[in-house]
Amino acid sequence: MPADACGLRISTPPFDLAPVPVTLAWHQRYDNDQAHAWLRAQVRDSFAAFLGHRFTTGVDAAEAGPADV
């Protein structure tokens, strides 16, 4: 595990933590940019894989605005 390589320990906190929202934001000029849409999809899918779920915005990354993905 990468934490071990850095001499770090991972432990569960002794209290509940509220979920932290993850938001992508970009300038509107990139709304229809295919390369930027691809990058947003990669970031979204990477977070989904890390968190163990899919995001359910109902909006395709290529059509999404800053508040949607």
Protein backbone atom coordinates (compact mmCIF):
# COMPACT_ATOMS: atom_id res chain seq x y z
CA MET A 1 0.00 0.00 0.00
CA PRO A 2 1.35 3.50 -0.82
CA ALA A 3 0.86 4.73 2.76
CA ASP A 4 3.23 2.02 4.01
CA ALA A 5 5.90 3.16 1.56
CA CYS A 6 5.68 6.66 3.04
CA GLY A 7 5.72 5.49 6.64
CA LEU A 8 2.08 6.46 7.18
CA ARG A 9 -0.63 4.59 9.05
CA ILE A 10 -4.28 4.57 8.03
CA SER A 11 -6.85 4.19 10.77
CA THR A 12 -10.58 4.70 11.15
CA PRO A 13 -11.49 7.83 13.13
CA PRO A 14 -13.34 7.22 16.40
CA PHE A 15 -16.31 9.30 15.20
CA ASP A 16 -18.57 9.57 12.16
CA LEU A 17 -17.58 11.92 9.36
CA ALA A 18 -20.06 13.65 7.10
CA PRO A 19 -19.70 12.94 3.38
CA VAL A 20 -17.64 15.49 1.47
CA PRO A 21 -19.12 16.66 -1.83
CA VAL A 22 -16.88 16.38 -4.88
CA THR A 23 -17.55 18.97 -7.57
CA LEU A 24 -15.95 19.61 -10.94
CA ALA A 25 -15.99 23.15 -12.26
CA TRP A 26 -14.81 24.63 -15.55
CA HIS A 27 -15.24 27.71 -17.68
CA GLN A 28 -18.27 27.59 -19.97
CA ARG A 29 -16.04 27.84 -23.04
CA TYR A 30 -15.10 24.20 -22.38
CA ASP A 31 -18.69 22.91 -22.21
CA ASN A 32 -18.54 21.60 -25.80
CA ASP A 33 -14.81 20.85 -25.95
CA GLN A 34 -14.46 17.11 -26.65
CA ALA A 35 -11.00 16.82 -25.08
CA HIS A 36 -12.19 18.57 -21.93
CA ALA A 37 -15.32 16.39 -21.81
CA TRP A 38 -13.06 13.33 -22.05
CA LEU A 39 -10.90 14.63 -19.18
CA ARG A 40 -13.97 15.34 -17.02
CA ALA A 41 -15.22 11.80 -17.69
CA GLN A 42 -11.83 10.36 -16.68
CA VAL A 43 -11.83 12.32 -13.42
CA ARG A 44 -15.47 11.39 -12.71
CA ASP A 45 -14.85 7.70 -13.43
CA SER A 46 -11.66 7.65 -11.34
CA PHE A 47 -13.45 9.10 -8.34
CA ALA A 48 -16.35 6.68 -8.87
CA ALA A 49 -13.95 3.73 -8.90
CA PHE A 50 -12.16 5.00 -5.80
CA LEU A 51 -15.41 5.64 -3.93
CA GLY A 52 -16.99 2.42 -5.15
CA HIS A 53 -20.00 3.88 -6.92
CA ARG A 54 -21.13 5.67 -10.06
CA PHE A 55 -22.22 9.27 -10.00
CA THR A 56 -25.86 9.70 -10.86
CA THR A 57 -26.18 13.16 -12.33
CA GLY A 58 -28.31 12.04 -15.26
CA VAL A 59 -26.09 14.14 -17.51
CA ASP A 60 -23.49 12.85 -19.93
CA ALA A 61 -20.08 14.41 -19.29
CA ALA A 62 -19.92 15.76 -22.84
CA GLU A 63 -23.22 17.63 -22.27
CA ALA A 64 -22.70 18.60 -18.65
CA GLY A 65 -22.21 22.03 -17.25
CA PRO A 66 -19.96 22.88 -14.30
CA ALA A 67 -22.58 22.02 -11.67
CA ASP A 68 -23.63 18.72 -13.29
CA VAL A 69 -20.55 16.52 -13.08
